[in-house]
Amino acid sequence: MNLTATRPPPPLQRAAAAAPWWSATLLAATLLLPPLANAGTVKPAGGAVTSPTPQYAQPDPRSRVLVTLPVRTPLTVYRCFPRWCEVSVGQEVARGWILRASVSVPGSCLQLVPLGFKDLRRQEGGFRPELDYNRNGRACDPEDLKAEKLRSAAPTLAAGNGRS
């Protein structure tokens, strides 16, 4: 009978040795999900169609076409990605997806970027020269957003004259 004492492994080694395979997946998901969790917190915005475009059931041109939208159709825009925007048209049509190049939403970069309208190219319907502060052909890119934040902070600083 061997009565020599052995020290238990440190807590992290114990947890790693006893943890099932899915705990690593859960940990990875916990670290990656916070940006996704905030995706639904942006308020939808009103917009319009800039060129005739089909509204798809999924963000894939091979998916079912819900309806073809004519120019100037009012939209509710929920979120956008580099190529697609999730939108709805009135009460009678379900949510669907249209190409981002066919969507225009009024507002500043500070309002548009949370919706997913960043790096708008000149060819896209949502591009407006007044949003391209550095005149590089991409509106609401990181430099434009920084410039807009500085411009929006300037009146606040001027009103307070920097004094407490």
N, C-alpha and C. Protein backbone atom coordinates (compact mmCIF):
# COMPACT_ATOMS: atom_id res chain seq x y z
N MET A 1 0.84 -1.18 0.00
CA MET A 1 0.00 0.00 0.00
C MET A 1 0.89 1.25 0.00
N ASN A 2 0.70 2.11 -0.98
CA ASN A 2 1.51 3.31 -1.12
C ASN A 2 0.72 4.48 -0.57
N LEU A 3 1.21 5.12 0.46
CA LEU A 3 0.50 6.23 1.10
C LEU A 3 1.12 7.58 0.77
N THR A 4 1.89 7.68 -0.28
CA THR A 4 2.49 8.96 -0.63
C THR A 4 1.41 9.91 -1.13
N ALA A 5 1.46 11.10 -0.65
CA ALA A 5 0.46 12.11 -1.03
C ALA A 5 0.83 12.72 -2.38
N THR A 6 -0.16 12.87 -3.19
CA THR A 6 0.04 13.57 -4.46
C THR A 6 -0.79 14.84 -4.44
N ARG A 7 -0.22 15.87 -5.00
CA ARG A 7 -0.96 17.14 -5.04
C ARG A 7 -1.96 17.09 -6.17
N PRO A 8 -3.15 17.65 -5.94
CA PRO A 8 -4.13 17.71 -7.03
C PRO A 8 -3.65 18.70 -8.09
N PRO A 9 -4.07 18.51 -9.33
CA PRO A 9 -3.68 19.46 -10.38
C PRO A 9 -4.31 20.83 -10.14
N PRO A 10 -3.72 21.88 -10.68
CA PRO A 10 -4.33 23.22 -10.54
C PRO A 10 -5.75 23.22 -11.11
N PRO A 11 -6.58 24.16 -10.65
CA PRO A 11 -7.99 24.18 -11.06
C PRO A 11 -8.22 24.18 -12.57
N LEU A 12 -7.43 24.94 -13.33
CA LEU A 12 -7.65 24.99 -14.78
C LEU A 12 -7.37 23.65 -15.43
N GLN A 13 -6.32 22.97 -14.98
CA GLN A 13 -6.03 21.65 -15.54
C GLN A 13 -7.13 20.66 -15.18
N ARG A 14 -7.62 20.74 -13.94
CA ARG A 14 -8.72 19.87 -13.53
C ARG A 14 -9.94 20.10 -14.40
N ALA A 15 -10.29 21.38 -14.63
CA ALA A 15 -11.47 21.70 -15.43
C ALA A 15 -11.29 21.25 -16.87
N ALA A 16 -10.10 21.45 -17.42
CA ALA A 16 -9.86 21.05 -18.81
C ALA A 16 -9.91 19.54 -18.96
N ALA A 17 -9.39 18.84 -17.96
CA ALA A 17 -9.38 17.39 -18.04
C ALA A 17 -10.78 16.81 -17.90
N ALA A 18 -11.62 17.45 -17.07
CA ALA A 18 -12.96 16.92 -16.83
C ALA A 18 -14.00 17.47 -17.80
N ALA A 19 -13.69 18.54 -18.51
CA ALA A 19 -14.68 19.19 -19.37
C ALA A 19 -14.94 18.35 -20.62
N PRO A 20 -16.20 18.24 -21.00
CA PRO A 20 -16.51 17.54 -22.24
C PRO A 20 -16.12 18.39 -23.45
N TRP A 21 -16.15 17.81 -24.64
CA TRP A 21 -15.73 18.48 -25.87
C TRP A 21 -16.54 19.73 -26.15
N TRP A 22 -17.81 19.74 -25.75
CA TRP A 22 -18.66 20.87 -26.10
C TRP A 22 -18.37 22.10 -25.25
N SER A 23 -17.64 21.95 -24.15
CA SER A 23 -17.35 23.14 -23.33
C SER A 23 -16.44 24.12 -24.06
N ALA A 24 -15.49 23.59 -24.85
CA ALA A 24 -14.63 24.48 -25.64
C ALA A 24 -15.45 25.21 -26.69
N THR A 25 -16.41 24.51 -27.28
CA THR A 25 -17.29 25.14 -28.27
C THR A 25 -18.13 26.22 -27.62
N LEU A 26 -18.64 25.93 -26.42
CA LEU A 26 -19.44 26.90 -25.69
C LEU A 26 -18.61 28.13 -25.33
N LEU A 27 -17.38 27.91 -24.90
CA LEU A 27 -16.50 29.03 -24.56
C LEU A 27 -16.23 29.88 -25.80
N ALA A 28 -15.95 29.24 -26.93
CA ALA A 28 -15.70 29.99 -28.16
C ALA A 28 -16.94 30.77 -28.58
N ALA A 29 -18.11 30.16 -28.45
CA ALA A 29 -19.35 30.85 -28.81
C ALA A 29 -19.60 32.03 -27.90
N THR A 30 -19.27 31.89 -26.62
CA THR A 30 -19.46 32.99 -25.67
C THR A 30 -18.60 34.18 -26.05
N LEU A 31 -17.39 33.90 -26.53
CA LEU A 31 -16.50 35.00 -26.92
C LEU A 31 -16.90 35.63 -28.23
N LEU A 32 -17.52 34.86 -29.12
CA LEU A 32 -17.86 35.37 -30.45
C LEU A 32 -19.26 35.96 -30.53
N LEU A 33 -20.16 35.60 -29.64
CA LEU A 33 -21.55 36.02 -29.77
C LEU A 33 -21.86 37.46 -29.36
N PRO A 34 -21.11 38.11 -28.47
CA PRO A 34 -21.50 39.49 -28.13
C PRO A 34 -21.70 40.41 -29.31
N PRO A 35 -20.83 40.40 -30.37
CA PRO A 35 -21.15 41.27 -31.51
C PRO A 35 -22.45 40.88 -32.19
N LEU A 36 -22.75 39.59 -32.25
CA LEU A 36 -23.99 39.15 -32.88
C LEU A 36 -25.20 39.49 -32.03
N ALA A 37 -25.03 39.46 -30.71
CA ALA A 37 -26.14 39.76 -29.82
C ALA A 37 -26.62 41.19 -29.99
N ASN A 38 -25.72 42.09 -30.34
CA ASN A 38 -26.09 43.49 -30.53
C ASN A 38 -26.69 43.76 -31.89
N ALA A 39 -26.66 42.78 -32.79
CA ALA A 39 -27.11 42.99 -34.16
C ALA A 39 -28.58 43.41 -34.23
N GLY A 40 -29.41 42.90 -33.33
CA GLY A 40 -30.83 43.21 -33.38
C GLY A 40 -31.22 44.45 -32.59
N THR A 41 -30.26 45.14 -31.98
CA THR A 41 -30.58 46.28 -31.13
C THR A 41 -30.63 47.59 -31.89
N VAL A 42 -30.24 47.60 -33.15
CA VAL A 42 -30.28 48.82 -33.95
C VAL A 42 -31.72 49.03 -34.43
N LYS A 43 -32.19 50.26 -34.28
CA LYS A 43 -33.55 50.56 -34.73
C LYS A 43 -33.63 50.52 -36.25
N PRO A 44 -34.70 49.92 -36.79
CA PRO A 44 -34.87 49.94 -38.25
C PRO A 44 -34.98 51.37 -38.76
N ALA A 45 -34.61 51.56 -40.01
CA ALA A 45 -34.65 52.89 -40.61
C ALA A 45 -35.48 52.85 -41.89
N GLY A 46 -36.02 54.00 -42.22
CA GLY A 46 -36.76 54.13 -43.47
C GLY A 46 -35.81 54.37 -44.61
N GLY A 47 -36.11 53.80 -45.74
CA GLY A 47 -35.27 53.97 -46.91
C GLY A 47 -36.10 53.85 -48.17
N ALA A 48 -35.43 53.75 -49.30
CA ALA A 48 -36.12 53.62 -50.59
C ALA A 48 -35.27 52.82 -51.55
N VAL A 49 -35.93 52.26 -52.54
CA VAL A 49 -35.27 51.52 -53.60
C VAL A 49 -34.76 52.52 -54.63
N THR A 50 -33.50 52.36 -55.07
CA THR A 50 -32.92 53.29 -56.04
C THR A 50 -32.92 52.76 -57.46
N SER A 51 -33.09 51.47 -57.62
CA SER A 51 -33.20 50.87 -58.95
C SER A 51 -34.10 49.64 -58.84
N PRO A 52 -34.83 49.31 -59.91
CA PRO A 52 -35.73 48.15 -59.82
C PRO A 52 -34.95 46.90 -59.37
N THR A 53 -35.48 46.22 -58.37
CA THR A 53 -34.76 45.08 -57.80
C THR A 53 -35.72 44.04 -57.24
N PRO A 54 -35.36 42.77 -57.34
CA PRO A 54 -36.19 41.74 -56.71
C PRO A 54 -35.91 41.66 -55.22
N GLN A 55 -36.95 41.34 -54.46
CA GLN A 55 -36.79 41.08 -53.03
C GLN A 55 -36.80 39.56 -52.87
N TYR A 56 -35.71 39.02 -52.32
CA TYR A 56 -35.55 37.58 -52.19
C TYR A 56 -35.93 37.11 -50.78
N ALA A 57 -36.28 35.84 -50.68
CA ALA A 57 -36.62 35.25 -49.39
C ALA A 57 -35.37 35.08 -48.52
N GLN A 58 -34.23 34.85 -49.13
CA GLN A 58 -32.96 34.67 -48.44
C GLN A 58 -31.90 35.55 -49.11
N PRO A 59 -30.79 35.83 -48.42
CA PRO A 59 -29.74 36.64 -49.08
C PRO A 59 -28.94 35.81 -50.08
N ASP A 60 -29.64 35.37 -51.12
CA ASP A 60 -29.05 34.52 -52.15
C ASP A 60 -29.86 34.72 -53.43
N PRO A 61 -29.23 35.08 -54.54
CA PRO A 61 -30.00 35.33 -55.76
C PRO A 61 -30.68 34.07 -56.32
N ARG A 62 -30.35 32.90 -55.80
CA ARG A 62 -31.01 31.66 -56.23
C ARG A 62 -32.26 31.36 -55.40
N SER A 63 -32.49 32.15 -54.33
CA SER A 63 -33.67 31.89 -53.50
C SER A 63 -34.93 32.44 -54.16
N ARG A 64 -36.06 32.13 -53.56
CA ARG A 64 -37.36 32.53 -54.12
C ARG A 64 -37.51 34.05 -54.13
N VAL A 65 -38.01 34.58 -55.24
CA VAL A 65 -38.28 36.02 -55.35
C VAL A 65 -39.66 36.29 -54.75
N LEU A 66 -39.71 37.17 -53.76
CA LEU A 66 -40.98 37.52 -53.13
C LEU A 66 -41.77 38.51 -53.98
N VAL A 67 -41.07 39.53 -54.47
CA VAL A 67 -41.70 40.58 -55.26
C VAL A 67 -40.59 41.38 -55.95
N THR A 68 -40.89 42.01 -57.06
CA THR A 68 -39.94 42.91 -57.70
C THR A 68 -40.34 44.33 -57.33
N LEU A 69 -39.41 45.06 -56.76
CA LEU A 69 -39.69 46.40 -56.24
C LEU A 69 -39.30 47.47 -57.26
N PRO A 70 -40.23 48.38 -57.57
CA PRO A 70 -39.89 49.47 -58.50
C PRO A 70 -39.09 50.57 -57.78
N VAL A 71 -38.54 51.47 -58.56
CA VAL A 71 -37.78 52.61 -58.03
C VAL A 71 -38.67 53.43 -57.09
N ARG A 72 -38.07 53.98 -56.06
CA ARG A 72 -38.71 54.83 -55.04
C ARG A 72 -39.70 54.08 -54.13
N THR A 73 -39.67 52.77 -54.12
CA THR A 73 -40.52 52.02 -53.19
C THR A 73 -40.02 52.27 -51.78
N PRO A 74 -40.89 52.73 -50.86
CA PRO A 74 -40.45 52.93 -49.48
C PRO A 74 -40.16 51.58 -48.80
N LEU A 75 -39.09 51.56 -48.02
CA LEU A 75 -38.65 50.34 -47.34
C LEU A 75 -38.46 50.60 -45.85
N THR A 76 -38.52 49.53 -45.08
CA THR A 76 -38.00 49.54 -43.72
C THR A 76 -36.75 48.67 -43.76
N VAL A 77 -35.61 49.26 -43.41
CA VAL A 77 -34.33 48.55 -43.46
C VAL A 77 -33.97 48.14 -42.04
N TYR A 78 -33.76 46.83 -41.86
CA TYR A 78 -33.45 46.29 -40.54
C TYR A 78 -31.95 46.15 -40.30
N ARG A 79 -31.23 45.68 -41.29
CA ARG A 79 -29.77 45.53 -41.19
C ARG A 79 -29.21 45.28 -42.58
N CYS A 80 -27.93 45.61 -42.73
CA CYS A 80 -27.26 45.41 -44.00
C CYS A 80 -25.91 44.75 -43.79
N PHE A 81 -25.49 44.06 -44.81
CA PHE A 81 -24.18 43.44 -44.86
C PHE A 81 -23.50 43.97 -46.11
N PRO A 82 -22.25 43.59 -46.38
CA PRO A 82 -21.58 44.17 -47.55
C PRO A 82 -22.34 44.02 -48.87
N ARG A 83 -23.16 42.98 -49.01
CA ARG A 83 -23.87 42.80 -50.28
C ARG A 83 -25.39 42.87 -50.15
N TRP A 84 -25.95 42.55 -49.00
CA TRP A 84 -27.39 42.40 -48.84
C TRP A 84 -27.94 43.26 -47.72
N CYS A 85 -29.23 43.63 -47.84
CA CYS A 85 -29.96 44.31 -46.77
C CYS A 85 -31.25 43.55 -46.49
N GLU A 86 -31.56 43.41 -45.22
CA GLU A 86 -32.84 42.81 -44.83
C GLU A 86 -33.86 43.93 -44.73
N VAL A 87 -34.95 43.81 -45.48
CA VAL A 87 -35.94 44.89 -45.58
C VAL A 87 -37.35 44.32 -45.54
N SER A 88 -38.30 45.22 -45.33
CA SER A 88 -39.71 44.89 -45.54
C SER A 88 -40.36 46.05 -46.26
N VAL A 89 -41.45 45.74 -46.95
CA VAL A 89 -42.17 46.74 -47.72
C VAL A 89 -43.61 46.73 -47.24
N GLY A 90 -44.01 47.78 -46.55
CA GLY A 90 -45.39 47.86 -46.08
C GLY A 90 -45.77 46.70 -45.19
N GLN A 91 -47.07 46.51 -45.01
CA GLN A 91 -47.58 45.45 -44.15
C GLN A 91 -47.80 44.14 -44.89
N GLU A 92 -48.06 44.23 -46.20
CA GLU A 92 -48.47 43.03 -46.94
C GLU A 92 -47.32 42.12 -47.37
N VAL A 93 -46.09 42.59 -47.39
CA VAL A 93 -44.97 41.78 -47.84
C VAL A 93 -44.09 41.44 -46.64
N ALA A 94 -43.72 40.17 -46.55
CA ALA A 94 -42.87 39.71 -45.46
C ALA A 94 -41.46 40.30 -45.60
N ARG A 95 -40.68 40.15 -44.55
CA ARG A 95 -39.29 40.56 -44.63
C ARG A 95 -38.58 39.76 -45.70
N GLY A 96 -37.64 40.41 -46.34
CA GLY A 96 -36.85 39.74 -47.36
C GLY A 96 -35.53 40.45 -47.53
N TRP A 97 -34.82 40.09 -48.56
CA TRP A 97 -33.47 40.61 -48.78
C TRP A 97 -33.36 41.21 -50.18
N ILE A 98 -32.71 42.38 -50.26
CA ILE A 98 -32.41 42.98 -51.56
C ILE A 98 -30.94 43.36 -51.57
N LEU A 99 -30.41 43.54 -52.77
CA LEU A 99 -29.01 43.93 -52.89
C LEU A 99 -28.79 45.32 -52.30
N ARG A 100 -27.74 45.47 -51.51
CA ARG A 100 -27.46 46.75 -50.85
C ARG A 100 -27.26 47.87 -51.86
N ALA A 101 -26.78 47.54 -53.04
CA ALA A 101 -26.54 48.57 -54.07
C ALA A 101 -27.84 49.24 -54.51
N SER A 102 -29.00 48.64 -54.19
CA SER A 102 -30.30 49.19 -54.61
C SER A 102 -31.03 49.90 -53.48
N VAL A 103 -30.35 50.16 -52.36
CA VAL A 103 -31.01 50.76 -51.19
C VAL A 103 -30.38 52.10 -50.86
N SER A 104 -31.23 53.06 -50.54
CA SER A 104 -30.76 54.35 -50.04
C SER A 104 -31.49 54.65 -48.74
N VAL A 105 -30.73 55.04 -47.72
CA VAL A 105 -31.29 55.40 -46.43
C VAL A 105 -30.76 56.78 -46.07
N PRO A 106 -31.64 57.73 -45.73
CA PRO A 106 -31.14 59.04 -45.35
C PRO A 106 -30.47 59.00 -43.98
N GLY A 107 -29.60 59.93 -43.74
CA GLY A 107 -28.96 60.02 -42.43
C GLY A 107 -27.47 60.23 -42.56
N SER A 108 -26.85 60.36 -41.41
CA SER A 108 -25.40 60.56 -41.36
C SER A 108 -24.72 59.21 -41.20
N CYS A 109 -23.41 59.21 -41.33
CA CYS A 109 -22.66 57.96 -41.15
C CYS A 109 -22.86 57.41 -39.74
N LEU A 110 -22.98 58.29 -38.76
CA LEU A 110 -23.21 57.83 -37.39
C LEU A 110 -24.51 57.05 -37.27
N GLN A 111 -25.48 57.36 -38.10
CA GLN A 111 -26.75 56.62 -38.09
C GLN A 111 -26.71 55.41 -39.02
N LEU A 112 -25.96 55.50 -40.11
CA LEU A 112 -25.96 54.46 -41.12
C LEU A 112 -25.04 53.28 -40.79
N VAL A 113 -23.89 53.55 -40.19
CA VAL A 113 -22.93 52.48 -39.92
C VAL A 113 -23.50 51.40 -39.00
N PRO A 114 -24.22 51.73 -37.92
CA PRO A 114 -24.79 50.65 -37.09
C PRO A 114 -25.76 49.75 -37.86
N LEU A 115 -26.40 50.28 -38.90
CA LEU A 115 -27.28 49.46 -39.73
C LEU A 115 -26.50 48.55 -40.69
N GLY A 116 -25.24 48.86 -40.89
CA GLY A 116 -24.42 48.07 -41.80
C GLY A 116 -24.03 48.80 -43.07
N PHE A 117 -24.41 50.08 -43.17
CA PHE A 117 -24.04 50.87 -44.35
C PHE A 117 -22.68 51.50 -44.12
N LYS A 118 -21.63 50.75 -44.40
CA LYS A 118 -20.28 51.30 -44.29
C LYS A 118 -19.54 50.97 -45.57
N ASP A 119 -18.57 51.79 -45.88
CA ASP A 119 -17.82 51.63 -47.13
C ASP A 119 -18.75 51.61 -48.35
N LEU A 120 -19.65 52.58 -48.42
CA LEU A 120 -20.54 52.69 -49.58
C LEU A 120 -19.75 53.18 -50.79
N ARG A 121 -19.83 52.47 -51.86
CA ARG A 121 -19.11 52.82 -53.09
C ARG A 121 -19.93 53.80 -53.93
N ARG A 122 -19.27 54.51 -54.82
CA ARG A 122 -19.96 55.47 -55.69
C ARG A 122 -21.09 54.83 -56.50
N GLN A 123 -20.92 53.54 -56.86
CA GLN A 123 -21.90 52.86 -57.69
C GLN A 123 -23.16 52.46 -56.91
N GLU A 124 -23.11 52.50 -55.59
CA GLU A 124 -24.25 52.07 -54.79
C GLU A 124 -25.27 53.18 -54.65
N GLY A 125 -26.53 52.79 -54.56
CA GLY A 125 -27.62 53.75 -54.46
C GLY A 125 -27.55 54.61 -53.20
N GLY A 126 -26.98 54.08 -52.13
CA GLY A 126 -26.91 54.82 -50.87
C GLY A 126 -25.75 55.80 -50.77
N PHE A 127 -24.85 55.80 -51.77
CA PHE A 127 -23.70 56.71 -51.75
C PHE A 127 -24.16 58.14 -51.93
N ARG A 128 -23.67 59.02 -51.07
CA ARG A 128 -23.90 60.46 -51.22
C ARG A 128 -22.56 61.17 -51.01
N PRO A 129 -22.20 62.09 -51.89
CA PRO A 129 -20.90 62.76 -51.79
C PRO A 129 -20.68 63.44 -50.44
N GLU A 130 -21.74 63.96 -49.82
CA GLU A 130 -21.57 64.65 -48.54
C GLU A 130 -21.18 63.70 -47.40
N LEU A 131 -21.32 62.39 -47.60
CA LEU A 131 -20.90 61.42 -46.59
C LEU A 131 -19.47 60.95 -46.81
N ASP A 132 -18.88 61.32 -47.94
CA ASP A 132 -17.51 60.94 -48.26
C ASP A 132 -16.59 62.11 -47.92
N TYR A 133 -16.29 62.27 -46.64
CA TYR A 133 -15.52 63.42 -46.17
C TYR A 133 -14.13 63.50 -46.79
N ASN A 134 -13.47 62.36 -46.98
CA ASN A 134 -12.11 62.39 -47.51
C ASN A 134 -12.05 62.22 -49.03
N ARG A 135 -13.22 62.19 -49.68
CA ARG A 135 -13.34 62.16 -51.15
C ARG A 135 -12.56 61.01 -51.80
N ASN A 136 -12.60 59.83 -51.18
CA ASN A 136 -11.90 58.68 -51.73
C ASN A 136 -12.83 57.73 -52.50
N GLY A 137 -14.09 58.11 -52.65
CA GLY A 137 -15.03 57.28 -53.39
C GLY A 137 -15.75 56.24 -52.55
N ARG A 138 -15.49 56.24 -51.25
CA ARG A 138 -16.17 55.33 -50.32
C ARG A 138 -16.75 56.16 -49.19
N ALA A 139 -18.07 56.20 -49.10
CA ALA A 139 -18.72 56.96 -48.04
C ALA A 139 -18.83 56.09 -46.78
N CYS A 140 -18.75 56.70 -45.63
CA CYS A 140 -18.88 56.04 -44.33
C CYS A 140 -17.82 54.98 -44.09
N ASP A 141 -16.62 55.21 -44.65
CA ASP A 141 -15.50 54.32 -44.31
C ASP A 141 -14.95 54.78 -42.95
N PRO A 142 -14.01 54.07 -42.35
CA PRO A 142 -13.54 54.44 -41.00
C PRO A 142 -13.05 55.89 -40.89
N GLU A 143 -12.37 56.41 -41.91
CA GLU A 143 -11.89 57.80 -41.85
C GLU A 143 -13.06 58.79 -41.89
N ASP A 144 -14.07 58.49 -42.70
CA ASP A 144 -15.25 59.37 -42.76
C ASP A 144 -15.99 59.36 -41.43
N LEU A 145 -16.10 58.19 -40.83
CA LEU A 145 -16.79 58.07 -39.54
C LEU A 145 -16.06 58.87 -38.46
N LYS A 146 -14.73 58.78 -38.47
CA LYS A 146 -13.94 59.54 -37.49
C LYS A 146 -14.13 61.04 -37.71
N ALA A 147 -14.11 61.48 -38.97
CA ALA A 147 -14.29 62.90 -39.28
C ALA A 147 -15.68 63.37 -38.84
N GLU A 148 -16.69 62.54 -39.06
CA GLU A 148 -18.04 62.93 -38.66
C GLU A 148 -18.18 63.01 -37.15
N LYS A 149 -17.55 62.09 -36.44
CA LYS A 149 -17.58 62.15 -34.97
C LYS A 149 -16.93 63.43 -34.46
N LEU A 150 -15.81 63.82 -35.09
CA LEU A 150 -15.14 65.06 -34.69
C LEU A 150 -16.01 66.27 -34.99
N ARG A 151 -16.66 66.27 -36.15
CA ARG A 151 -17.53 67.41 -36.52
C ARG A 151 -18.74 67.49 -35.61
N SER A 152 -19.30 66.34 -35.23
CA SER A 152 -20.48 66.37 -34.36
C SER A 152 -20.10 66.76 -32.93
N ALA A 153 -18.85 66.50 -32.53
CA ALA A 153 -18.40 66.88 -31.19
C ALA A 153 -17.99 68.35 -31.14
N ALA A 154 -17.61 68.95 -32.27
CA ALA A 154 -17.13 70.33 -32.30
C ALA A 154 -18.15 71.33 -31.77
N PRO A 155 -19.45 71.27 -32.16
CA PRO A 155 -20.40 72.24 -31.61
C PRO A 155 -20.57 72.10 -30.09
N THR A 156 -20.48 70.89 -29.59
CA THR A 156 -20.60 70.66 -28.15
C THR A 156 -19.43 71.29 -27.42
N LEU A 157 -18.23 71.11 -27.96
CA LEU A 157 -17.04 71.69 -27.34
C LEU A 157 -17.09 73.22 -27.43
N ALA A 158 -17.54 73.75 -28.58
CA ALA A 158 -17.59 75.19 -28.76
C ALA A 158 -18.63 75.81 -27.80
N ALA A 159 -19.76 75.14 -27.59
CA ALA A 159 -20.79 75.67 -26.71
C ALA A 159 -20.32 75.72 -25.27
N GLY A 160 -19.52 74.73 -24.87
CA GLY A 160 -19.03 74.70 -23.50
C GLY A 160 -17.75 75.47 -23.32
N ASN A 161 -17.11 75.86 -24.42
CA ASN A 161 -15.84 76.58 -24.40
C ASN A 161 -14.77 75.84 -23.60
N GLY A 162 -14.99 74.52 -23.40
CA GLY A 162 -13.99 73.73 -22.71
C GLY A 162 -13.90 74.02 -21.23
N ARG A 163 -14.83 74.80 -20.67
CA ARG A 163 -14.79 75.14 -19.24
C ARG A 163 -15.79 74.31 -18.47
N SER A 164 -15.47 74.03 -17.22
CA SER A 164 -16.38 73.27 -16.37
C SER A 164 -17.21 74.17 -15.52
